[in-house]
Amino acid sequence: MSLSKNRNMQIFILMLIIVPLAGELKFYPFNNTFRVSFGMPTFFFFILILQRYPAILSGVFVGFSVVAFRTLIDIQHFPYSFQVHYPTFFYYFTFGCLFYFLKVHRFYRRPLLIGSLGVLFDILASCAELTSQYIAFQSPVTYEDIRKVSIIAVFRGFFTVGFFNLIMLYEARLRKEEMQKLNTKLVMIISNLYEEAIHLHKTLKNSENVTKEAYNLYQLLKEVEAKHTSMPIERLCQIALKIAGESHEVKKDNQRIYSGLSKLISDEGFSEYMDTHELMSITAQANQKYAQLLGKNIEIIYHIIGEHPKYHVYKVLSIVNNLVINSIEAIKEEGAIHIYVSKYEEMVEFQIRDNGPGIGSRHRRLIYKPGFTTKYDDAGKLSTGIGLTYVKELVESLEGEIAMQSKPEIDGTCFKIRLPIMSLVQSMDHAEDQYVYLQEAVELKVES
């Protein structure tokens, strides 16, 4: 039975209250001073639960608590009341010491042994209490007294252990049922994720084809423009149609994947705008997995400076992800990437800094050119070199600016993107349009 620290403290305080109260359910088998009560089984039950607290500590505190409680009940005869009840302290103290030094918690899986030890501790603790009473009142302890104490101890000890094990069994059954439900749910999730992974792999291939075909179309158009030559319009139409078809396939698959994942995470309230910390956390985690997939040991750390509004998810991810992926692919085996998000009045600045090999001075003026790349894929083919071109055009379309620093100015490479905050936050017009769209969707759903 594992409990949290706060929970243990609450149970410990509860023990200090309940044990003295349980001790008032009593009878006197020998004389008017030695009582037999429910205090022992209650105390025994609590120290079985409280694994984090030393039983000797529980014995000391409970002993003081019981003596104080019984003395306060008869406060008008304080000196006599204290003298009568203080021997009870030695009962709980002795029981706690025996429990602690014999490390009874080791035998949780052996209830008969715990029950037998509880009986033994009860007898010895009762003997300690009777001895202290003999010293205080000269009351003799006979063999018959010990026999009665032993019989009572057997009932109290095994009753407590039996009750404790019933609770343990009930808790174990609840845990088992919970685990069965969780396992069933996990099997369903894994099965669904496997299906989504198949479609996602298909989408990745389609996306790669779209990128290549679009780049081929771009090259053909640039060739026509440069040479002022004519080209059969049919060929261009075929390429454009192929790109449109592949893009449509990507869209359909992505819609299906998004629908499946939405059901898994029950995220019906997804918004296009997200808190900066959450957005950067998603970026760091996703790209960390990409680095691991490439077999690289790269640490991705983000730093949020200042207070930021919620930013548009797709615009930010389109920019930051492209630059982080570039850094991951540039770093050879291990390194670090730092993402800084800072706010300057009406502007927000994103910095993506890595400690990779850097970009040579002769390549700097070419990095934003379409098709320029120094990277190869797994098959040894050159990358299309579209990423930085796309980032630059997106940044400029948002009325921002992009700059780059690399060796020898700094160690590695750093891209700085500054954008107007208004281009990334949700405007009132957009919010109203979204509200109208959602309202129409709800009405359409009701009609259907």
Protein backbone atom coordinates (compact mmCIF):
# COMPACT_ATOMS: atom_id res chain seq x y z
CA MET A 1 0.00 0.00 0.00
CA SER A 2 2.03 2.98 -1.30
CA LEU A 3 1.02 6.45 -0.17
CA SER A 4 2.24 9.93 -1.02
CA LYS A 5 4.14 12.05 1.49
CA ASN A 6 1.18 14.36 2.20
CA ARG A 7 -1.13 11.37 2.49
CA ASN A 8 1.21 9.74 5.01
CA MET A 9 1.27 12.91 7.11
CA GLN A 10 -2.53 13.06 7.12
CA ILE A 11 -2.77 9.41 8.21
CA PHE A 12 -0.14 9.99 10.92
CA ILE A 13 -2.15 12.90 12.38
CA LEU A 14 -5.33 10.84 12.10
CA MET A 15 -3.63 8.05 14.06
CA LEU A 16 -2.79 10.47 16.90
CA ILE A 17 -6.50 11.31 17.15
CA ILE A 18 -8.18 7.93 16.56
CA VAL A 19 -5.96 5.68 18.73
CA PRO A 20 -6.74 7.57 21.98
CA LEU A 21 -10.46 7.53 21.10
CA ALA A 22 -10.35 3.79 20.31
CA GLY A 23 -8.65 3.26 23.67
CA GLU A 24 -11.85 4.38 25.40
CA LEU A 25 -13.62 1.25 24.13
CA LYS A 26 -12.24 -0.85 26.99
CA PHE A 27 -12.62 -3.32 29.84
CA TYR A 28 -10.49 -4.18 32.88
CA PRO A 29 -9.61 -7.89 33.07
CA PHE A 30 -7.30 -7.74 36.14
CA ASN A 31 -7.62 -4.54 38.15
CA ASN A 32 -8.84 -0.96 37.95
CA THR A 33 -5.65 0.30 36.29
CA PHE A 34 -4.79 -2.18 33.47
CA ARG A 35 -7.27 -1.85 30.65
CA VAL A 36 -7.76 -3.85 27.46
CA SER A 37 -9.08 -1.72 24.60
CA PHE A 38 -9.28 -1.27 20.84
CA GLY A 39 -6.31 1.10 21.03
CA MET A 40 -3.81 -1.69 20.27
CA PRO A 41 -5.44 -3.09 17.10
CA THR A 42 -6.03 0.47 15.87
CA PHE A 43 -2.38 1.40 16.50
CA PHE A 44 -1.16 -1.86 14.92
CA PHE A 45 -3.30 -1.22 11.83
CA PHE A 46 -1.96 2.33 11.40
CA ILE A 47 1.73 1.39 11.66
CA LEU A 48 1.15 -1.37 9.09
CA ILE A 49 -0.13 1.31 6.70
CA LEU A 50 2.52 3.93 7.52
CA GLN A 51 5.58 2.41 5.88
CA ARG A 52 7.41 5.72 5.51
CA TYR A 53 7.25 6.62 9.21
CA PRO A 54 9.46 4.68 11.69
CA ALA A 55 7.22 2.67 14.04
CA ILE A 56 9.32 3.78 17.01
CA LEU A 57 8.40 7.40 16.22
CA SER A 58 4.73 6.45 15.96
CA GLY A 59 4.99 4.63 19.31
CA VAL A 60 6.44 7.68 21.06
CA PHE A 61 3.89 10.15 19.66
CA VAL A 62 0.89 7.86 20.14
CA GLY A 63 2.05 7.03 23.69
CA PHE A 64 2.17 10.73 24.58
CA SER A 65 -1.15 11.33 22.80
CA VAL A 66 -2.96 8.53 24.68
CA VAL A 67 -1.57 9.56 28.10
CA ALA A 68 -2.45 13.23 27.46
CA PHE A 69 -5.97 12.37 26.30
CA ARG A 70 -6.75 10.12 29.27
CA THR A 71 -5.27 12.61 31.73
CA LEU A 72 -7.29 15.49 30.28
CA ILE A 73 -10.53 13.50 30.62
CA ASP A 74 -9.97 13.44 34.38
CA ILE A 75 -8.21 16.82 34.60
CA GLN A 76 -9.75 17.70 38.00
CA HIS A 77 -7.62 14.94 39.56
CA PHE A 78 -4.57 15.71 37.45
CA PRO A 79 -1.71 14.31 39.61
CA TYR A 80 -3.51 11.05 40.32
CA SER A 81 -4.88 10.76 36.76
CA PHE A 82 -1.42 11.19 35.26
CA GLN A 83 0.07 8.64 37.68
CA VAL A 84 -2.61 6.10 36.73
CA HIS A 85 -2.26 6.55 32.97
CA TYR A 86 1.42 7.23 32.30
CA PRO A 87 2.32 3.48 32.27
CA THR A 88 0.26 3.22 29.05
CA PHE A 89 3.02 5.17 27.32
CA PHE A 90 5.40 2.20 27.79
CA TYR A 91 2.92 -0.10 26.05
CA TYR A 92 2.91 1.90 22.79
CA PHE A 93 6.60 2.75 23.04
CA THR A 94 7.55 -0.93 23.49
CA PHE A 95 5.24 -2.05 20.66
CA GLY A 96 6.69 0.58 18.30
CA CYS A 97 10.29 -0.31 19.20
CA LEU A 98 9.75 -4.03 18.61
CA PHE A 99 7.99 -3.35 15.29
CA TYR A 100 10.79 -1.02 14.17
CA PHE A 101 13.84 -3.06 15.19
CA LEU A 102 12.49 -6.35 13.81
CA LYS A 103 11.61 -4.55 10.50
CA VAL A 104 8.14 -6.08 10.25
CA HIS A 105 7.45 -4.26 6.96
CA ARG A 106 9.71 -6.85 5.28
CA PHE A 107 7.04 -9.52 5.87
CA TYR A 108 4.04 -7.88 4.23
CA ARG A 109 3.61 -10.89 1.96
CA ARG A 110 3.45 -13.23 4.96
CA PRO A 111 0.31 -12.36 6.95
CA LEU A 112 0.58 -15.32 9.37
CA LEU A 113 4.07 -14.23 10.39
CA ILE A 114 2.94 -10.62 10.85
CA GLY A 115 -0.02 -11.81 12.92
CA SER A 116 2.25 -13.95 15.12
CA LEU A 117 4.69 -11.04 15.58
CA GLY A 118 1.76 -8.77 16.43
CA VAL A 119 0.65 -11.21 19.14
CA LEU A 120 4.20 -11.39 20.54
CA PHE A 121 4.60 -7.60 20.49
CA ASP A 122 1.23 -7.17 22.22
CA ILE A 123 2.23 -9.59 25.00
CA LEU A 124 5.62 -7.97 25.55
CA ALA A 125 4.16 -4.45 25.41
CA SER A 126 1.46 -5.45 27.93
CA CYS A 127 4.19 -6.87 30.17
CA ALA A 128 6.06 -3.56 29.92
CA GLU A 129 2.89 -1.70 30.93
CA LEU A 130 2.20 -4.13 33.81
CA THR A 131 5.81 -3.78 35.00
CA SER A 132 5.57 0.02 35.04
CA GLN A 133 2.29 -0.26 36.97
CA TYR A 134 3.98 -2.58 39.47
CA ILE A 135 6.73 0.03 39.96
CA ALA A 136 4.14 2.82 40.36
CA PHE A 137 1.47 1.02 42.46
CA GLN A 138 3.16 -2.17 43.68
CA SER A 139 0.40 -4.19 41.93
CA PRO A 140 1.57 -7.78 41.52
CA VAL A 141 1.74 -9.55 38.14
CA THR A 142 0.66 -13.19 38.27
CA TYR A 143 0.90 -16.08 35.81
CA GLU A 144 -2.89 -15.85 35.32
CA ASP A 145 -2.50 -12.21 34.26
CA ILE A 146 0.06 -13.17 31.62
CA ARG A 147 -2.21 -15.97 30.37
CA LYS A 148 -5.17 -13.59 29.95
CA VAL A 149 -2.96 -11.02 28.24
CA SER A 150 -1.75 -13.71 25.81
CA ILE A 151 -5.27 -14.86 24.93
CA ILE A 152 -6.40 -11.27 24.34
CA ALA A 153 -3.25 -10.61 22.29
CA VAL A 154 -4.01 -13.54 19.97
CA PHE A 155 -7.47 -12.20 19.18
CA ARG A 156 -6.32 -8.61 18.76
CA GLY A 157 -3.25 -9.42 16.67
CA PHE A 158 -4.87 -11.75 14.14
CA PHE A 159 -8.03 -9.63 13.95
CA THR A 160 -5.91 -6.60 12.98
CA VAL A 161 -3.85 -8.51 10.41
CA GLY A 162 -6.99 -10.08 8.95
CA PHE A 163 -8.65 -6.70 8.58
CA PHE A 164 -5.47 -5.19 7.09
CA ASN A 165 -5.19 -8.01 4.54
CA LEU A 166 -8.83 -7.62 3.54
CA ILE A 167 -8.10 -4.00 2.69
CA MET A 168 -4.90 -4.99 0.85
CA LEU A 169 -6.81 -7.61 -1.17
CA TYR A 170 -9.54 -5.11 -2.02
CA GLU A 171 -6.95 -2.56 -3.12
CA ALA A 172 -5.12 -5.21 -5.18
CA ARG A 173 -8.36 -6.19 -6.89
CA LEU A 174 -9.12 -2.55 -7.73
CA ARG A 175 -5.59 -2.14 -9.13
CA LYS A 176 -5.96 -5.30 -11.19
CA GLU A 177 -9.28 -4.13 -12.66
CA GLU A 178 -7.76 -0.72 -13.40
CA MET A 179 -4.74 -2.33 -15.08
CA GLN A 180 -6.99 -4.56 -17.19
CA LYS A 181 -8.96 -1.52 -18.36
CA LEU A 182 -5.73 0.36 -19.06
CA ASN A 183 -4.20 -2.56 -20.97
CA THR A 184 -7.34 -2.92 -23.10
CA LYS A 185 -7.25 0.80 -23.83
CA LEU A 186 -3.53 0.70 -24.69
CA VAL A 187 -4.02 -2.24 -27.07
CA MET A 188 -6.74 -0.27 -28.89
CA ILE A 189 -4.57 2.86 -29.01
CA ILE A 190 -1.56 0.94 -30.36
CA SER A 191 -3.75 -0.72 -32.97
CA ASN A 192 -5.17 2.64 -34.07
CA LEU A 193 -1.74 4.27 -34.08
CA TYR A 194 -0.41 1.47 -36.28
CA GLU A 195 -3.12 2.23 -38.82
CA GLU A 196 -2.32 5.95 -38.68
CA ALA A 197 1.42 5.22 -39.10
CA ILE A 198 0.73 3.33 -42.36
CA HIS A 199 -1.27 6.26 -43.76
CA LEU A 200 1.33 8.72 -42.49
CA HIS A 201 4.11 6.85 -44.29
CA LYS A 202 2.06 7.05 -47.49
CA THR A 203 1.54 10.76 -46.91
CA LEU A 204 5.29 11.32 -46.50
CA LYS A 205 5.95 9.66 -49.86
CA ASN A 206 3.21 11.74 -51.51
CA SER A 207 4.61 14.91 -49.97
CA GLU A 208 8.07 14.10 -51.29
CA ASN A 209 6.64 13.56 -54.77
CA VAL A 210 4.75 16.87 -54.59
CA THR A 211 7.96 18.68 -53.59
CA LYS A 212 9.98 17.13 -56.41
CA GLU A 213 7.32 17.71 -59.06
CA ALA A 214 6.79 21.30 -57.93
CA TYR A 215 10.52 21.91 -58.09
CA ASN A 216 10.71 20.34 -61.58
CA LEU A 217 7.88 22.61 -62.69
CA TYR A 218 9.72 25.59 -61.22
CA GLN A 219 12.89 24.66 -63.13
CA LEU A 220 10.98 24.27 -66.40
CA LEU A 221 9.35 27.67 -65.98
CA LYS A 222 12.69 29.29 -65.14
CA GLU A 223 14.19 27.66 -68.25
CA VAL A 224 11.37 29.04 -70.40
CA GLU A 225 11.88 32.49 -68.87
CA ALA A 226 15.68 32.42 -69.30
CA LYS A 227 15.82 31.06 -72.86
CA HIS A 228 12.62 32.75 -74.06
CA THR A 229 11.63 29.46 -75.62
CA SER A 230 8.19 28.00 -75.96
CA MET A 231 7.18 24.76 -74.30
CA PRO A 232 4.17 22.59 -75.01
CA ILE A 233 1.45 23.73 -72.65
CA GLU A 234 0.27 20.12 -72.42
CA ARG A 235 3.43 19.06 -70.61
CA LEU A 236 3.12 21.85 -68.05
CA CYS A 237 -0.54 20.98 -67.54
CA GLN A 238 0.33 17.34 -66.92
CA ILE A 239 2.92 18.27 -64.27
CA ALA A 240 0.53 20.71 -62.60
CA LEU A 241 -2.26 18.10 -62.63
CA LYS A 242 0.09 15.52 -61.10
CA ILE A 243 1.03 17.96 -58.34
CA ALA A 244 -2.64 18.73 -57.71
CA GLY A 245 -3.49 15.01 -57.56
CA GLU A 246 -0.65 14.21 -55.16
CA SER A 247 -1.59 17.22 -53.00
CA HIS A 248 -5.18 16.03 -52.92
CA GLU A 249 -4.00 12.59 -51.77
CA VAL A 250 -1.94 14.24 -49.01
CA LYS A 251 -4.93 16.31 -47.94
CA LYS A 252 -7.26 13.30 -47.80
CA ASP A 253 -4.78 11.20 -45.85
CA ASN A 254 -4.03 14.04 -43.45
CA GLN A 255 -7.73 14.60 -42.85
CA ARG A 256 -8.15 10.91 -42.10
CA ILE A 257 -5.09 10.83 -39.82
CA TYR A 258 -6.20 13.99 -38.00
CA SER A 259 -9.67 12.54 -37.52
CA GLY A 260 -8.23 9.30 -36.10
CA LEU A 261 -5.81 11.06 -33.78
CA SER A 262 -8.48 13.48 -32.61
CA LYS A 263 -10.59 10.54 -31.47
CA LEU A 264 -7.62 9.08 -29.61
CA ILE A 265 -6.81 12.27 -27.72
CA SER A 266 -10.42 13.54 -27.54
CA ASP A 267 -9.23 17.01 -28.51
CA GLU A 268 -12.39 18.58 -29.86
CA GLY A 269 -11.41 22.09 -28.77
CA PHE A 270 -8.22 22.38 -30.81
CA SER A 271 -7.38 25.96 -31.67
CA GLU A 272 -5.19 27.42 -34.39
CA TYR A 273 -3.64 29.68 -31.72
CA MET A 274 -1.54 28.31 -28.88
CA ASP A 275 0.38 29.46 -25.81
CA THR A 276 4.05 30.09 -26.62
CA HIS A 277 5.41 27.69 -23.97
CA GLU A 278 3.14 24.89 -25.19
CA LEU A 279 3.99 25.61 -28.82
CA MET A 280 7.75 25.54 -28.22
CA SER A 281 7.42 22.41 -26.09
CA ILE A 282 5.69 20.60 -28.96
CA THR A 283 8.36 21.84 -31.38
CA ALA A 284 11.23 20.68 -29.14
CA GLN A 285 9.72 17.26 -28.42
CA ALA A 286 8.80 16.50 -32.03
CA ASN A 287 12.22 17.49 -33.37
CA GLN A 288 13.97 15.62 -30.56
CA LYS A 289 12.30 12.47 -31.86
CA TYR A 290 13.39 13.32 -35.40
CA ALA A 291 16.99 13.66 -34.21
CA GLN A 292 16.76 10.27 -32.47
CA LEU A 293 15.36 8.76 -35.67
CA LEU A 294 18.49 9.97 -37.49
CA GLY A 295 20.64 8.38 -34.77
CA LYS A 296 21.91 11.73 -33.48
CA ASN A 297 22.32 12.83 -29.86
CA ILE A 298 21.02 16.40 -30.05
CA GLU A 299 19.59 18.41 -27.15
CA ILE A 300 16.85 20.89 -28.08
CA ILE A 301 16.22 23.63 -25.53
CA TYR A 302 13.78 26.53 -25.77
CA HIS A 303 13.84 29.85 -23.92
CA ILE A 304 10.79 32.13 -23.67
CA ILE A 305 11.72 35.72 -22.81
CA GLY A 306 8.93 38.09 -21.79
CA GLU A 307 5.15 37.73 -21.88
CA HIS A 308 3.67 36.59 -25.19
CA PRO A 309 0.15 36.29 -26.60
CA LYS A 310 -1.06 33.11 -28.25
CA TYR A 311 0.55 32.73 -31.69
CA HIS A 312 -0.74 31.08 -34.85
CA VAL A 313 0.35 27.44 -34.69
CA TYR A 314 0.90 26.74 -38.38
CA LYS A 315 2.77 29.95 -39.21
CA VAL A 316 5.18 29.58 -36.28
CA LEU A 317 5.72 25.86 -36.81
CA SER A 318 6.29 26.35 -40.56
CA ILE A 319 9.13 28.74 -39.80
CA VAL A 320 10.69 27.28 -36.64
CA ASN A 321 10.39 23.61 -37.62
CA ASN A 322 12.12 24.15 -40.97
CA LEU A 323 15.06 25.90 -39.31
CA VAL A 324 15.35 23.38 -36.46
CA ILE A 325 15.26 20.47 -38.94
CA ASN A 326 18.02 22.17 -40.96
CA SER A 327 20.12 22.41 -37.79
CA ILE A 328 19.48 18.75 -36.93
CA GLU A 329 20.51 17.62 -40.40
CA ALA A 330 23.60 19.86 -40.34
CA ILE A 331 24.91 18.58 -36.99
CA LYS A 332 27.04 15.50 -37.56
CA GLU A 333 26.46 13.26 -34.52
CA GLU A 334 25.79 15.24 -31.36
CA GLY A 335 25.20 18.83 -30.40
CA ALA A 336 22.66 21.31 -29.09
CA ILE A 337 19.99 23.55 -30.59
CA HIS A 338 18.62 26.54 -28.67
CA ILE A 339 15.33 28.22 -29.60
CA TYR A 340 14.85 31.75 -28.24
CA VAL A 341 11.52 33.57 -28.38
CA SER A 342 11.73 37.25 -27.40
CA LYS A 343 9.29 40.12 -27.54
CA TYR A 344 10.31 43.65 -28.54
CA GLU A 345 7.36 46.05 -28.34
CA GLU A 346 5.24 45.14 -31.39
CA MET A 347 7.72 42.58 -32.75
CA VAL A 348 8.54 38.99 -31.83
CA GLU A 349 11.95 37.50 -32.55
CA PHE A 350 12.69 33.81 -33.03
CA GLN A 351 16.31 32.68 -32.83
CA ILE A 352 17.37 29.16 -33.79
CA ARG A 353 20.99 28.65 -32.76
CA ASP A 354 23.02 25.45 -33.18
CA ASN A 355 26.63 24.45 -32.58
CA GLY A 356 26.98 22.62 -35.89
CA PRO A 357 29.67 23.05 -38.56
CA GLY A 358 28.26 26.38 -39.74
CA ILE A 359 27.74 27.73 -43.26
CA GLY A 360 30.77 28.76 -45.29
CA SER A 361 31.04 32.34 -46.53
CA ARG A 362 30.88 31.27 -50.20
CA HIS A 363 27.52 29.58 -49.60
CA ARG A 364 25.84 32.36 -47.64
CA ARG A 365 24.52 34.28 -50.64
CA LEU A 366 23.09 31.05 -52.09
CA ILE A 367 21.27 29.56 -49.09
CA TYR A 368 17.90 31.17 -49.97
CA LYS A 369 18.13 30.20 -53.65
CA PRO A 370 15.64 27.50 -54.71
CA GLY A 371 17.40 24.18 -55.22
CA PHE A 372 20.59 25.10 -53.33
CA THR A 373 21.52 22.37 -50.85
CA THR A 374 24.51 20.60 -49.36
CA LYS A 375 22.45 17.74 -47.85
CA TYR A 376 21.82 14.22 -49.12
CA ASP A 377 19.02 11.81 -48.23
CA ASP A 378 19.44 8.17 -47.18
CA ALA A 379 19.62 7.06 -50.82
CA GLY A 380 22.45 9.50 -51.54
CA LYS A 381 20.26 11.89 -53.53
CA LEU A 382 20.53 15.63 -53.06
CA SER A 383 17.75 17.35 -51.13
CA THR A 384 15.51 19.69 -53.12
CA GLY A 385 16.70 22.73 -51.17
CA ILE A 386 13.22 24.21 -50.82
CA GLY A 387 13.15 24.69 -47.01
CA LEU A 388 15.01 27.99 -46.55
CA THR A 389 13.47 29.46 -49.71
CA TYR A 390 10.01 28.71 -48.32
CA VAL A 391 10.91 30.14 -44.89
CA LYS A 392 12.23 33.36 -46.42
CA GLU A 393 9.13 33.86 -48.59
CA LEU A 394 6.81 33.10 -45.65
CA VAL A 395 8.66 35.55 -43.39
CA GLU A 396 8.52 38.27 -46.05
CA SER A 397 4.82 37.60 -46.68
CA LEU A 398 4.25 38.25 -42.95
CA GLU A 399 6.16 41.55 -43.33
CA GLY A 400 9.09 40.23 -41.30
CA GLU A 401 12.80 39.82 -41.87
CA ILE A 402 15.27 36.96 -41.61
CA ALA A 403 19.01 37.14 -40.95
CA MET A 404 21.77 34.57 -40.50
CA GLN A 405 25.05 34.46 -38.61
CA SER A 406 27.64 31.71 -38.80
CA LYS A 407 31.34 31.05 -38.40
CA PRO A 408 33.60 32.88 -37.78
CA GLU A 409 31.24 35.39 -36.08
CA ILE A 410 29.69 32.71 -33.87
CA ASP A 411 30.19 29.03 -33.12
CA GLY A 412 27.72 27.22 -35.34
CA THR A 413 24.79 28.90 -37.08
CA CYS A 414 22.08 31.26 -35.87
CA PHE A 415 18.95 32.31 -37.80
CA LYS A 416 17.04 35.34 -36.51
CA ILE A 417 13.47 35.96 -37.63
CA ARG A 418 11.63 39.14 -36.62
CA LEU A 419 7.90 39.32 -37.27
CA PRO A 420 5.14 41.80 -36.41
CA ILE A 421 3.12 40.33 -33.57
CA MET A 422 -0.10 41.34 -35.32
CA SER A 423 0.71 38.92 -38.16
CA LEU A 424 0.72 35.98 -35.73
CA VAL A 425 -2.13 36.75 -33.31
CA GLN A 426 -5.85 36.23 -33.74
CA SER A 427 -7.66 39.34 -34.97
CA MET A 428 -11.23 40.14 -33.97
CA ASP A 429 -12.39 39.72 -37.58
CA HIS A 430 -10.87 36.27 -37.71
CA ALA A 431 -12.44 35.34 -34.38
CA GLU A 432 -15.87 36.45 -35.65
CA ASP A 433 -15.41 34.45 -38.87
CA GLN A 434 -14.42 31.40 -36.85
CA TYR A 435 -17.46 31.81 -34.60
CA VAL A 436 -19.78 32.03 -37.62
CA TYR A 437 -18.09 28.99 -39.16
CA LEU A 438 -18.50 26.96 -35.97
CA GLN A 439 -22.14 28.06 -35.64
CA GLU A 440 -22.89 26.98 -39.21
CA ALA A 441 -21.13 23.66 -38.61
CA VAL A 442 -23.22 23.02 -35.50
CA GLU A 443 -26.45 23.88 -37.35
CA LEU A 444 -25.45 21.60 -40.22
CA LYS A 445 -24.71 18.79 -37.77
CA VAL A 446 -28.12 19.26 -36.09
CA GLU A 447 -29.92 19.20 -39.46
CA SER A 448 -28.10 16.03 -40.54
